[in-house]
Amino acid sequence: REDHIAPWRTIYRGMQALGGERRFVLSGAGHVAGIVNPPGIGKY
């Protein structure tokens, strides 16, 4: 949600370019912390 490198709305647009089944999920935090967010910590 707070990505300053790959804005989430732009990622959503890119998803629409593919032709198959798609799932879109929005995580909290930013470009790195939102990805490295393991279960059990409950941070985001």
PDB file of all heavy atoms in Angstrom:
ATOM      1  N   ARG A   1       0.804  -1.219   0.000  1.00  0.00           N
ATOM      2  CA  ARG A   1       0.000   0.000   0.000  1.00  0.00           C
ATOM      3  C   ARG A   1       0.839   1.272   0.000  1.00  0.00           C
ATOM      4  O   ARG A   1       0.434   2.290  -0.547  1.00  0.00           O
ATOM      5  CB  ARG A   1      -0.927  -0.016   1.220  1.00  0.00           C
ATOM      6  CG  ARG A   1      -2.070   0.986   1.117  1.00  0.00           C
ATOM      7  CD  ARG A   1      -3.228   0.613   1.999  1.00  0.00           C
ATOM      8  NE  ARG A   1      -4.400   1.429   1.729  1.00  0.00           N
ATOM      9  CZ  ARG A   1      -5.615   1.167   2.207  1.00  0.00           C
ATOM     10  NH1 ARG A   1      -5.793   0.107   2.965  1.00  0.00           N
ATOM     11  NH2 ARG A   1      -6.629   1.953   1.925  1.00  0.00           N
ATOM     12  N   GLU A   2       2.017   1.251   0.598  1.00  0.00           N
ATOM     13  CA  GLU A   2       2.841   2.455   0.710  1.00  0.00           C
ATOM     14  C   GLU A   2       4.082   2.379  -0.165  1.00  0.00           C
ATOM     15  O   GLU A   2       5.085   3.040   0.101  1.00  0.00           O
ATOM     16  CB  GLU A   2       3.247   2.667   2.177  1.00  0.00           C
ATOM     17  CG  GLU A   2       2.055   2.849   3.109  1.00  0.00           C
ATOM     18  CD  GLU A   2       2.470   2.891   4.574  1.00  0.00           C
ATOM     19  OE1 GLU A   2       3.668   3.140   4.844  1.00  0.00           O
ATOM     20  OE2 GLU A   2       1.608   2.669   5.442  1.00  0.00           O
ATOM     21  N   ASP A   3       3.995   1.607  -1.233  1.00  0.00           N
ATOM     22  CA  ASP A   3       5.144   1.405  -2.118  1.00  0.00           C
ATOM     23  C   ASP A   3       5.486   2.692  -2.859  1.00  0.00           C
ATOM     24  O   ASP A   3       4.651   3.244  -3.574  1.00  0.00           O
ATOM     25  CB  ASP A   3       4.837   0.283  -3.115  1.00  0.00           C
ATOM     26  CG  ASP A   3       6.088  -0.301  -3.745  1.00  0.00           C
ATOM     27  OD1 ASP A   3       7.057   0.450  -3.916  1.00  0.00           O
ATOM     28  OD2 ASP A   3       6.078  -1.504  -4.061  1.00  0.00           O
ATOM     29  N   HIS A   4       6.717   3.177  -2.707  1.00  0.00           N
ATOM     30  CA  HIS A   4       7.163   4.379  -3.399  1.00  0.00           C
ATOM     31  C   HIS A   4       7.949   4.060  -4.656  1.00  0.00           C
ATOM     32  O   HIS A   4       8.360   4.962  -5.378  1.00  0.00           O
ATOM     33  CB  HIS A   4       8.024   5.231  -2.460  1.00  0.00           C
ATOM     34  CG  HIS A   4       9.277   4.543  -2.006  1.00  0.00           C
ATOM     35  ND1 HIS A   4       9.256   3.448  -1.164  1.00  0.00           N
ATOM     36  CD2 HIS A   4      10.588   4.775  -2.282  1.00  0.00           C
ATOM     37  CE1 HIS A   4      10.490   3.058  -0.937  1.00  0.00           C
ATOM     38  NE2 HIS A   4      11.321   3.836  -1.606  1.00  0.00           N
ATOM     39  N   ILE A   5       8.165   2.778  -4.941  1.00  0.00           N
ATOM     40  CA  ILE A   5       8.896   2.353  -6.131  1.00  0.00           C
ATOM     41  C   ILE A   5       7.960   1.758  -7.166  1.00  0.00           C
ATOM     42  O   ILE A   5       8.069   2.055  -8.364  1.00  0.00           O
ATOM     43  CB  ILE A   5       9.988   1.337  -5.744  1.00  0.00           C
ATOM     44  CG1 ILE A   5      11.031   2.019  -4.843  1.00  0.00           C
ATOM     45  CG2 ILE A   5      10.660   0.746  -6.977  1.00  0.00           C
ATOM     46  CD1 ILE A   5      12.060   1.076  -4.279  1.00  0.00           C
ATOM     47  N   ALA A   6       7.033   0.922  -6.735  1.00  0.00           N
ATOM     48  CA  ALA A   6       6.037   0.315  -7.622  1.00  0.00           C
ATOM     49  C   ALA A   6       4.653   0.591  -7.030  1.00  0.00           C
ATOM     50  O   ALA A   6       4.137  -0.212  -6.250  1.00  0.00           O
ATOM     51  CB  ALA A   6       6.278  -1.191  -7.754  1.00  0.00           C
ATOM     52  N   PRO A   7       4.028   1.720  -7.380  1.00  0.00           N
ATOM     53  CA  PRO A   7       2.726   2.080  -6.790  1.00  0.00           C
ATOM     54  C   PRO A   7       1.682   0.987  -7.022  1.00  0.00           C
ATOM     55  O   PRO A   7       1.599   0.401  -8.104  1.00  0.00           O
ATOM     56  CB  PRO A   7       2.360   3.376  -7.541  1.00  0.00           C
ATOM     57  CG  PRO A   7       3.657   3.933  -8.009  1.00  0.00           C
ATOM     58  CD  PRO A   7       4.519   2.749  -8.322  1.00  0.00           C
ATOM     59  N   TRP A   8       0.886   0.739  -5.996  1.00  0.00           N
ATOM     60  CA  TRP A   8      -0.010  -0.417  -6.064  1.00  0.00           C
ATOM     61  C   TRP A   8      -1.055  -0.263  -7.145  1.00  0.00           C
ATOM     62  O   TRP A   8      -1.453  -1.255  -7.778  1.00  0.00           O
ATOM     63  CB  TRP A   8      -0.646  -0.688  -4.695  1.00  0.00           C
ATOM     64  CG  TRP A   8      -1.803   0.200  -4.301  1.00  0.00           C
ATOM     65  CD1 TRP A   8      -1.753   1.325  -3.543  1.00  0.00           C
ATOM     66  CD2 TRP A   8      -3.181   0.000  -4.627  1.00  0.00           C
ATOM     67  NE1 TRP A   8      -3.008   1.852  -3.373  1.00  0.00           N
ATOM     68  CE2 TRP A   8      -3.914   1.060  -4.027  1.00  0.00           C
ATOM     69  CE3 TRP A   8      -3.896  -0.951  -5.357  1.00  0.00           C
ATOM     70  CZ2 TRP A   8      -5.298   1.183  -4.147  1.00  0.00           C
ATOM     71  CZ3 TRP A   8      -5.279  -0.832  -5.472  1.00  0.00           C
ATOM     72  CH2 TRP A   8      -5.957   0.220  -4.876  1.00  0.00           C
ATOM     73  N   ARG A   9      -1.520   0.956  -7.403  1.00  0.00           N
ATOM     74  CA  ARG A   9      -2.515   1.149  -8.458  1.00  0.00           C
ATOM     75  C   ARG A   9      -1.924   0.834  -9.831  1.00  0.00           C
ATOM     76  O   ARG A   9      -2.620   0.321 -10.707  1.00  0.00           O
ATOM     77  CB  ARG A   9      -3.059   2.575  -8.405  1.00  0.00           C
ATOM     78  CG  ARG A   9      -3.878   2.868  -7.146  1.00  0.00           C
ATOM     79  CD  ARG A   9      -4.207   4.335  -7.007  1.00  0.00           C
ATOM     80  NE  ARG A   9      -4.967   4.613  -5.790  1.00  0.00           N
ATOM     81  CZ  ARG A   9      -4.409   4.775  -4.590  1.00  0.00           C
ATOM     82  NH1 ARG A   9      -3.084   4.709  -4.463  1.00  0.00           N
ATOM     83  NH2 ARG A   9      -5.158   5.007  -3.519  1.00  0.00           N
ATOM     84  N   THR A  10      -0.653   1.137 -10.013  1.00  0.00           N
ATOM     85  CA  THR A  10       0.011   0.814 -11.273  1.00  0.00           C
ATOM     86  C   THR A  10       0.176  -0.688 -11.418  1.00  0.00           C
ATOM     87  O   THR A  10       0.032  -1.237 -12.516  1.00  0.00           O
ATOM     88  CB  THR A  10       1.378   1.523 -11.330  1.00  0.00           C
ATOM     89  OG1 THR A  10       1.193   2.922 -11.112  1.00  0.00           O
ATOM     90  CG2 THR A  10       2.034   1.322 -12.680  1.00  0.00           C
ATOM     91  N   ILE A  11       0.485  -1.371 -10.324  1.00  0.00           N
ATOM     92  CA  ILE A  11       0.568  -2.833 -10.361  1.00  0.00           C
ATOM     93  C   ILE A  11      -0.783  -3.426 -10.736  1.00  0.00           C
ATOM     94  O   ILE A  11      -0.871  -4.400 -11.506  1.00  0.00           O
ATOM     95  CB  ILE A  11       1.054  -3.365  -9.000  1.00  0.00           C
ATOM     96  CG1 ILE A  11       2.495  -2.909  -8.743  1.00  0.00           C
ATOM     97  CG2 ILE A  11       0.943  -4.887  -8.930  1.00  0.00           C
ATOM     98  CD1 ILE A  11       3.020  -3.288  -7.377  1.00  0.00           C
ATOM     99  N   TYR A  12      -1.848  -2.843 -10.208  1.00  0.00           N
ATOM    100  CA  TYR A  12      -3.197  -3.316 -10.541  1.00  0.00           C
ATOM    101  C   TYR A  12      -3.454  -3.191 -12.034  1.00  0.00           C
ATOM    102  O   TYR A  12      -4.033  -4.094 -12.657  1.00  0.00           O
ATOM    103  CB  TYR A  12      -4.221  -2.512  -9.745  1.00  0.00           C
ATOM    104  CG  TYR A  12      -5.627  -3.089  -9.773  1.00  0.00           C
ATOM    105  CD1 TYR A  12      -6.048  -3.964  -8.774  1.00  0.00           C
ATOM    106  CD2 TYR A  12      -6.528  -2.758 -10.783  1.00  0.00           C
ATOM    107  CE1 TYR A  12      -7.325  -4.495  -8.788  1.00  0.00           C
ATOM    108  CE2 TYR A  12      -7.807  -3.279 -10.808  1.00  0.00           C
ATOM    109  CZ  TYR A  12      -8.201  -4.150  -9.801  1.00  0.00           C
ATOM    110  OH  TYR A  12      -9.474  -4.677  -9.824  1.00  0.00           O
ATOM    111  N   ARG A  13      -3.025  -2.085 -12.628  1.00  0.00           N
ATOM    112  CA  ARG A  13      -3.193  -1.905 -14.073  1.00  0.00           C
ATOM    113  C   ARG A  13      -2.446  -2.992 -14.836  1.00  0.00           C
ATOM    114  O   ARG A  13      -2.942  -3.536 -15.827  1.00  0.00           O
ATOM    115  CB  ARG A  13      -2.672  -0.539 -14.488  1.00  0.00           C
ATOM    116  CG  ARG A  13      -3.386   0.647 -13.861  1.00  0.00           C
ATOM    117  CD  ARG A  13      -4.780   0.824 -14.393  1.00  0.00           C
ATOM    118  NE  ARG A  13      -5.390   2.058 -13.881  1.00  0.00           N
ATOM    119  CZ  ARG A  13      -6.684   2.323 -13.943  1.00  0.00           C
ATOM    120  NH1 ARG A  13      -7.519   1.437 -14.486  1.00  0.00           N
ATOM    121  NH2 ARG A  13      -7.161   3.462 -13.466  1.00  0.00           N
ATOM    122  N   GLY A  14      -1.233  -3.281 -14.405  1.00  0.00           N
ATOM    123  CA  GLY A  14      -0.455  -4.304 -15.082  1.00  0.00           C
ATOM    124  C   GLY A  14      -1.082  -5.675 -14.992  1.00  0.00           C
ATOM    125  O   GLY A  14      -0.999  -6.469 -15.938  1.00  0.00           O
ATOM    126  N   MET A  15      -1.697  -5.984 -13.864  1.00  0.00           N
ATOM    127  CA  MET A  15      -2.387  -7.260 -13.710  1.00  0.00           C
ATOM    128  C   MET A  15      -3.441  -7.451 -14.797  1.00  0.00           C
ATOM    129  O   MET A  15      -3.644  -8.556 -15.318  1.00  0.00           O
ATOM    130  CB  MET A  15      -3.040  -7.330 -12.331  1.00  0.00           C
ATOM    131  CG  MET A  15      -3.926  -8.529 -12.112  1.00  0.00           C
ATOM    132  SD  MET A  15      -5.136  -8.281 -10.785  1.00  0.00           S
ATOM    133  CE  MET A  15      -6.146  -6.972 -11.477  1.00  0.00           C
ATOM    134  N   GLN A  16      -4.116  -6.365 -15.160  1.00  0.00           N
ATOM    135  CA  GLN A  16      -5.200  -6.443 -16.134  1.00  0.00           C
ATOM    136  C   GLN A  16      -4.712  -6.773 -17.534  1.00  0.00           C
ATOM    137  O   GLN A  16      -5.517  -7.120 -18.404  1.00  0.00           O
ATOM    138  CB  GLN A  16      -5.976  -5.123 -16.135  1.00  0.00           C
ATOM    139  CG  GLN A  16      -6.701  -4.853 -14.822  1.00  0.00           C
ATOM    140  CD  GLN A  16      -7.299  -3.452 -14.754  1.00  0.00           C
ATOM    141  OE1 GLN A  16      -6.680  -2.481 -15.192  1.00  0.00           O
ATOM    142  NE2 GLN A  16      -8.502  -3.347 -14.216  1.00  0.00           N
ATOM    143  N   ALA A  17      -3.397  -6.691 -17.768  1.00  0.00           N
ATOM    144  CA  ALA A  17      -2.872  -6.988 -19.095  1.00  0.00           C
ATOM    145  C   ALA A  17      -2.810  -8.484 -19.369  1.00  0.00           C
ATOM    146  O   ALA A  17      -2.769  -8.899 -20.529  1.00  0.00           O
ATOM    147  CB  ALA A  17      -1.480  -6.375 -19.258  1.00  0.00           C
ATOM    148  N   LEU A  18      -2.783  -9.312 -18.313  1.00  0.00           N
ATOM    149  CA  LEU A  18      -2.697 -10.758 -18.490  1.00  0.00           C
ATOM    150  C   LEU A  18      -4.061 -11.342 -18.830  1.00  0.00           C
ATOM    151  O   LEU A  18      -5.099 -10.779 -18.503  1.00  0.00           O
ATOM    152  CB  LEU A  18      -2.141 -11.416 -17.236  1.00  0.00           C
ATOM    153  CG  LEU A  18      -0.739 -10.987 -16.799  1.00  0.00           C
ATOM    154  CD1 LEU A  18      -0.261 -11.852 -15.644  1.00  0.00           C
ATOM    155  CD2 LEU A  18       0.246 -11.044 -17.950  1.00  0.00           C
ATOM    156  N   GLY A  19      -4.034 -12.522 -19.459  1.00  0.00           N
ATOM    157  CA  GLY A  19      -5.276 -13.079 -19.965  1.00  0.00           C
ATOM    158  C   GLY A  19      -5.887 -14.193 -19.148  1.00  0.00           C
ATOM    159  O   GLY A  19      -6.998 -14.641 -19.450  1.00  0.00           O
ATOM    160  N   GLY A  20      -5.219 -14.677 -18.121  1.00  0.00           N
ATOM    161  CA  GLY A  20      -5.722 -15.825 -17.388  1.00  0.00           C
ATOM    162  C   GLY A  20      -6.378 -15.474 -16.068  1.00  0.00           C
ATOM    163  O   GLY A  20      -6.706 -14.312 -15.790  1.00  0.00           O
ATOM    164  N   GLU A  21      -6.537 -16.491 -15.216  1.00  0.00           N
ATOM    165  CA  GLU A  21      -7.081 -16.288 -13.867  1.00  0.00           C
ATOM    166  C   GLU A  21      -6.091 -15.478 -13.044  1.00  0.00           C
ATOM    167  O   GLU A  21      -4.881 -15.727 -13.062  1.00  0.00           O
ATOM    168  CB  GLU A  21      -7.315 -17.658 -13.220  1.00  0.00           C
ATOM    169  CG  GLU A  21      -7.630 -17.599 -11.737  1.00  0.00           C
ATOM    170  CD  GLU A  21      -7.387 -18.926 -11.034  1.00  0.00           C
ATOM    171  OE1 GLU A  21      -7.499 -19.976 -11.686  1.00  0.00           O
ATOM    172  OE2 GLU A  21      -7.061 -18.892  -9.828  1.00  0.00           O
ATOM    173  N   ARG A  22      -6.595 -14.480 -12.309  1.00  0.00           N
ATOM    174  CA  ARG A  22      -5.709 -13.602 -11.557  1.00  0.00           C
ATOM    175  C   ARG A  22      -6.250 -13.372 -10.153  1.00  0.00           C
ATOM    176  O   ARG A  22      -7.446 -13.347  -9.945  1.00  0.00           O
ATOM    177  CB  ARG A  22      -5.562 -12.249 -12.266  1.00  0.00           C
ATOM    178  CG  ARG A  22      -4.879 -12.312 -13.630  1.00  0.00           C
ATOM    179  CD  ARG A  22      -5.328 -11.177 -14.530  1.00  0.00           C
ATOM    180  NE  ARG A  22      -6.751 -11.268 -14.817  1.00  0.00           N
ATOM    181  CZ  ARG A  22      -7.443 -10.338 -15.478  1.00  0.00           C
ATOM    182  NH1 ARG A  22      -6.834  -9.247 -15.894  1.00  0.00           N
ATOM    183  NH2 ARG A  22      -8.729 -10.496 -15.697  1.00  0.00           N
ATOM    184  N   ARG A  23      -5.323 -13.187  -9.231  1.00  0.00           N
ATOM    185  CA  ARG A  23      -5.668 -12.822  -7.863  1.00  0.00           C
ATOM    186  C   ARG A  23      -4.813 -11.632  -7.480  1.00  0.00           C
ATOM    187  O   ARG A  23      -3.586 -11.634  -7.688  1.00  0.00           O
ATOM    188  CB  ARG A  23      -5.444 -13.976  -6.899  1.00  0.00           C
ATOM    189  CG  ARG A  23      -5.777 -13.628  -5.423  1.00  0.00           C
ATOM    190  CD  ARG A  23      -5.779 -14.873  -4.546  1.00  0.00           C
ATOM    191  NE  ARG A  23      -6.033 -14.566  -3.149  1.00  0.00           N
ATOM    192  CZ  ARG A  23      -7.243 -14.325  -2.623  1.00  0.00           C
ATOM    193  NH1 ARG A  23      -8.303 -14.320  -3.424  1.00  0.00           N
ATOM    194  NH2 ARG A  23      -7.408 -14.076  -1.342  1.00  0.00           N
ATOM    195  N   PHE A  24      -5.449 -10.615  -6.896  1.00  0.00           N
ATOM    196  CA  PHE A  24      -4.730  -9.407  -6.482  1.00  0.00           C
ATOM    197  C   PHE A  24      -4.868  -9.246  -4.980  1.00  0.00           C
ATOM    198  O   PHE A  24      -5.970  -9.296  -4.425  1.00  0.00           O
ATOM    199  CB  PHE A  24      -5.300  -8.178  -7.195  1.00  0.00           C
ATOM    200  CG  PHE A  24      -4.489  -6.927  -6.982  1.00  0.00           C
ATOM    201  CD1 PHE A  24      -3.412  -6.639  -7.799  1.00  0.00           C
ATOM    202  CD2 PHE A  24      -4.797  -6.046  -5.949  1.00  0.00           C
ATOM    203  CE1 PHE A  24      -2.654  -5.489  -7.609  1.00  0.00           C
ATOM    204  CE2 PHE A  24      -4.049  -4.906  -5.740  1.00  0.00           C
ATOM    205  CZ  PHE A  24      -2.975  -4.623  -6.578  1.00  0.00           C
ATOM    206  N   VAL A  25      -3.740  -9.046  -4.305  1.00  0.00           N
ATOM    207  CA  VAL A  25      -3.699  -8.882  -2.858  1.00  0.00           C
ATOM    208  C   VAL A  25      -2.880  -7.632  -2.550  1.00  0.00           C
ATOM    209  O   VAL A  25      -1.823  -7.397  -3.159  1.00  0.00           O
ATOM    210  CB  VAL A  25      -3.082 -10.118  -2.168  1.00  0.00           C
ATOM    211  CG1 VAL A  25      -2.935  -9.889  -0.668  1.00  0.00           C
ATOM    212  CG2 VAL A  25      -3.930 -11.352  -2.442  1.00  0.00           C
ATOM    213  N   LEU A  26      -3.354  -6.846  -1.604  1.00  0.00           N
ATOM    214  CA  LEU A  26      -2.680  -5.618  -1.205  1.00  0.00           C
ATOM    215  C   LEU A  26      -2.195  -5.765   0.229  1.00  0.00           C
ATOM    216  O   LEU A  26      -2.990  -5.986   1.147  1.00  0.00           O
ATOM    217  CB  LEU A  26      -3.621  -4.427  -1.327  1.00  0.00           C
ATOM    218  CG  LEU A  26      -3.040  -3.043  -1.015  1.00  0.00           C
ATOM    219  CD1 LEU A  26      -1.924  -2.687  -1.995  1.00  0.00           C
ATOM    220  CD2 LEU A  26      -4.145  -1.986  -1.042  1.00  0.00           C
ATOM    221  N   SER A  27      -0.886  -5.641   0.418  1.00  0.00           N
ATOM    222  CA  SER A  27      -0.297  -5.762   1.753  1.00  0.00           C
ATOM    223  C   SER A  27      -0.058  -4.383   2.344  1.00  0.00           C
ATOM    224  O   SER A  27       0.030  -3.382   1.628  1.00  0.00           O
ATOM    225  CB  SER A  27       1.032  -6.524   1.669  1.00  0.00           C
ATOM    226  OG  SER A  27       1.697  -6.524   2.917  1.00  0.00           O
ATOM    227  N   GLY A  28       0.059  -4.337   3.657  1.00  0.00           N
ATOM    228  CA  GLY A  28       0.460  -3.099   4.300  1.00  0.00           C
ATOM    229  C   GLY A  28       1.936  -2.821   4.086  1.00  0.00           C
ATOM    230  O   GLY A  28       2.664  -3.635   3.519  1.00  0.00           O
ATOM    231  N   ALA A  29       2.382  -1.646   4.532  1.00  0.00           N
ATOM    232  CA  ALA A  29       3.785  -1.228   4.476  1.00  0.00           C
ATOM    233  C   ALA A  29       4.225  -0.936   3.047  1.00  0.00           C
ATOM    234  O   ALA A  29       3.400  -0.646   2.178  1.00  0.00           O
ATOM    235  CB  ALA A  29       4.681  -2.252   5.160  1.00  0.00           C
ATOM    236  N   GLY A  30       5.552  -1.014   2.809  1.00  0.00           N
ATOM    237  CA  GLY A  30       6.107  -0.558   1.546  1.00  0.00           C
ATOM    238  C   GLY A  30       6.774  -1.651   0.745  1.00  0.00           C
ATOM    239  O   GLY A  30       6.540  -2.837   0.938  1.00  0.00           O
ATOM    240  N   HIS A  31       7.659  -1.212  -0.163  1.00  0.00           N
ATOM    241  CA  HIS A  31       8.218  -2.067  -1.197  1.00  0.00           C
ATOM    242  C   HIS A  31       9.006  -3.249  -0.634  1.00  0.00           C
ATOM    243  O   HIS A  31       9.056  -4.304  -1.267  1.00  0.00           O
ATOM    244  CB  HIS A  31       9.131  -1.222  -2.097  1.00  0.00           C
ATOM    245  CG  HIS A  31       9.566  -1.906  -3.347  1.00  0.00           C
ATOM    246  ND1 HIS A  31       8.741  -2.078  -4.442  1.00  0.00           N
ATOM    247  CD2 HIS A  31      10.753  -2.453  -3.691  1.00  0.00           C
ATOM    248  CE1 HIS A  31       9.390  -2.694  -5.394  1.00  0.00           C
ATOM    249  NE2 HIS A  31      10.620  -2.946  -4.973  1.00  0.00           N
ATOM    250  N   VAL A  32       9.615  -3.084   0.518  1.00  0.00           N
ATOM    251  CA  VAL A  32      10.406  -4.161   1.104  1.00  0.00           C
ATOM    252  C   VAL A  32       9.728  -4.739   2.339  1.00  0.00           C
ATOM    253  O   VAL A  32       9.506  -5.941   2.428  1.00  0.00           O
ATOM    254  CB  VAL A  32      11.825  -3.666   1.452  1.00  0.00           C
ATOM    255  CG1 VAL A  32      12.624  -4.765   2.128  1.00  0.00           C
ATOM    256  CG2 VAL A  32      12.549  -3.185   0.193  1.00  0.00           C
ATOM    257  N   ALA A  33       9.372  -3.863   3.290  1.00  0.00           N
ATOM    258  CA  ALA A  33       8.786  -4.355   4.542  1.00  0.00           C
ATOM    259  C   ALA A  33       7.456  -5.067   4.302  1.00  0.00           C
ATOM    260  O   ALA A  33       7.100  -5.993   5.041  1.00  0.00           O
ATOM    261  CB  ALA A  33       8.591  -3.203   5.520  1.00  0.00           C
ATOM    262  N   GLY A  34       6.711  -4.652   3.287  1.00  0.00           N
ATOM    263  CA  GLY A  34       5.447  -5.306   2.990  1.00  0.00           C
ATOM    264  C   GLY A  34       5.620  -6.676   2.384  1.00  0.00           C
ATOM    265  O   GLY A  34       4.718  -7.517   2.458  1.00  0.00           O
ATOM    266  N   ILE A  35       6.792  -6.930   1.776  1.00  0.00           N
ATOM    267  CA  ILE A  35       7.086  -8.247   1.201  1.00  0.00           C
ATOM    268  C   ILE A  35       7.669  -9.161   2.267  1.00  0.00           C
ATOM    269  O   ILE A  35       7.255 -10.307   2.442  1.00  0.00           O
ATOM    270  CB  ILE A  35       8.069  -8.109   0.018  1.00  0.00           C
ATOM    271  CG1 ILE A  35       7.490  -7.167  -1.053  1.00  0.00           C
ATOM    272  CG2 ILE A  35       8.391  -9.470  -0.577  1.00  0.00           C
ATOM    273  CD1 ILE A  35       6.200  -7.636  -1.658  1.00  0.00           C
ATOM    274  N   VAL A  36       8.651  -8.662   3.001  1.00  0.00           N
ATOM    275  CA  VAL A  36       9.302  -9.453   4.051  1.00  0.00           C
ATOM    276  C   VAL A  36       8.462  -9.312   5.321  1.00  0.00           C
ATOM    277  O   VAL A  36       8.817  -8.595   6.255  1.00  0.00           O
ATOM    278  CB  VAL A  36      10.749  -8.979   4.263  1.00  0.00           C
ATOM    279  CG1 VAL A  36      11.458  -9.885   5.261  1.00  0.00           C
ATOM    280  CG2 VAL A  36      11.506  -8.956   2.944  1.00  0.00           C
ATOM    281  N   ASN A  37       7.344 -10.022   5.334  1.00  0.00           N
ATOM    282  CA  ASN A  37       6.358  -9.889   6.413  1.00  0.00           C
ATOM    283  C   ASN A  37       5.878 -11.284   6.806  1.00  0.00           C
ATOM    284  O   ASN A  37       4.796 -11.717   6.427  1.00  0.00           O
ATOM    285  CB  ASN A  37       5.182  -9.024   5.928  1.00  0.00           C
ATOM    286  CG  ASN A  37       4.153  -8.801   7.004  1.00  0.00           C
ATOM    287  OD1 ASN A  37       4.468  -8.749   8.189  1.00  0.00           O
ATOM    288  ND2 ASN A  37       2.891  -8.684   6.597  1.00  0.00           N
ATOM    289  N   PRO A  38       6.703 -12.024   7.539  1.00  0.00           N
ATOM    290  CA  PRO A  38       6.408 -13.429   7.802  1.00  0.00           C
ATOM    291  C   PRO A  38       5.228 -13.632   8.736  1.00  0.00           C
ATOM    292  O   PRO A  38       4.893 -12.755   9.544  1.00  0.00           O
ATOM    293  CB  PRO A  38       7.707 -13.935   8.446  1.00  0.00           C
ATOM    294  CG  PRO A  38       8.312 -12.724   9.058  1.00  0.00           C
ATOM    295  CD  PRO A  38       7.971 -11.590   8.143  1.00  0.00           C
ATOM    296  N   PRO A  39       4.582 -14.804   8.643  1.00  0.00           N
ATOM    297  CA  PRO A  39       3.509 -15.124   9.585  1.00  0.00           C
ATOM    298  C   PRO A  39       4.048 -15.178  11.012  1.00  0.00           C
ATOM    299  O   PRO A  39       5.221 -15.460  11.250  1.00  0.00           O
ATOM    300  CB  PRO A  39       3.048 -16.516   9.118  1.00  0.00           C
ATOM    301  CG  PRO A  39       3.510 -16.626   7.704  1.00  0.00           C
ATOM    302  CD  PRO A  39       4.786 -15.846   7.629  1.00  0.00           C
ATOM    303  N   GLY A  40       3.160 -14.886  11.952  1.00  0.00           N
ATOM    304  CA  GLY A  40       3.542 -14.970  13.356  1.00  0.00           C
ATOM    305  C   GLY A  40       3.958 -13.655  13.954  1.00  0.00           C
ATOM    306  O   GLY A  40       3.853 -13.451  15.161  1.00  0.00           O
ATOM    307  N   ILE A  41       4.445 -12.726  13.127  1.00  0.00           N
ATOM    308  CA  ILE A  41       4.849 -11.422  13.650  1.00  0.00           C
ATOM    309  C   ILE A  41       3.638 -10.517  13.813  1.00  0.00           C
ATOM    310  O   ILE A  41       3.521  -9.760  14.773  1.00  0.00           O
ATOM    311  CB  ILE A  41       5.905 -10.784  12.723  1.00  0.00           C
ATOM    312  CG1 ILE A  41       7.189 -11.608  12.755  1.00  0.00           C
ATOM    313  CG2 ILE A  41       6.177  -9.338  13.134  1.00  0.00           C
ATOM    314  CD1 ILE A  41       8.298 -11.065  11.884  1.00  0.00           C
ATOM    315  N   GLY A  42       2.711 -10.585  12.870  1.00  0.00           N
ATOM    316  CA  GLY A  42       1.483  -9.804  12.963  1.00  0.00           C
ATOM    317  C   GLY A  42       1.688  -8.315  12.806  1.00  0.00           C
ATOM    318  O   GLY A  42       0.898  -7.522  13.313  1.00  0.00           O
ATOM    319  N   LYS A  43       2.742  -7.917  12.093  1.00  0.00           N
ATOM    320  CA  LYS A  43       3.039  -6.497  11.981  1.00  0.00           C
ATOM    321  C   LYS A  43       2.147  -5.810  10.960  1.00  0.00           C
ATOM    322  O   LYS A  43       1.637  -4.719  11.189  1.00  0.00           O
ATOM    323  CB  LYS A  43       4.509  -6.308  11.614  1.00  0.00           C
ATOM    324  CG  LYS A  43       5.004  -4.871  11.771  1.00  0.00           C
ATOM    325  CD  LYS A  43       6.500  -4.798  11.650  1.00  0.00           C
ATOM    326  CE  LYS A  43       6.997  -3.378  11.937  1.00  0.00           C
ATOM    327  NZ  LYS A  43       8.474  -3.285  11.822  1.00  0.00           N
ATOM    328  N   TYR A  44       1.968  -6.415   9.796  1.00  0.00           N
ATOM    329  CA  TYR A  44       1.153  -5.826   8.733  1.00  0.00           C
ATOM    330  C   TYR A  44       0.123  -6.845   8.265  1.00  0.00           C
ATOM    331  O   TYR A  44       0.429  -8.030   8.099  1.00  0.00           O
ATOM    332  CB  TYR A  44       2.021  -5.412   7.535  1.00  0.00           C
ATOM    333  CG  TYR A  44       3.190  -4.536   7.895  1.00  0.00           C
ATOM    334  CD1 TYR A  44       4.503  -5.004   7.761  1.00  0.00           C
ATOM    335  CD2 TYR A  44       3.000  -3.248   8.367  1.00  0.00           C
ATOM    336  CE1 TYR A  44       5.585  -4.198   8.089  1.00  0.00           C
ATOM    337  CE2 TYR A  44       4.079  -2.432   8.699  1.00  0.00           C
ATOM    338  CZ  TYR A  44       5.366  -2.923   8.557  1.00  0.00           C
ATOM    339  OH  TYR A  44       6.438  -2.128   8.886  1.00  0.00           O
TER     340      TYR A  44
END
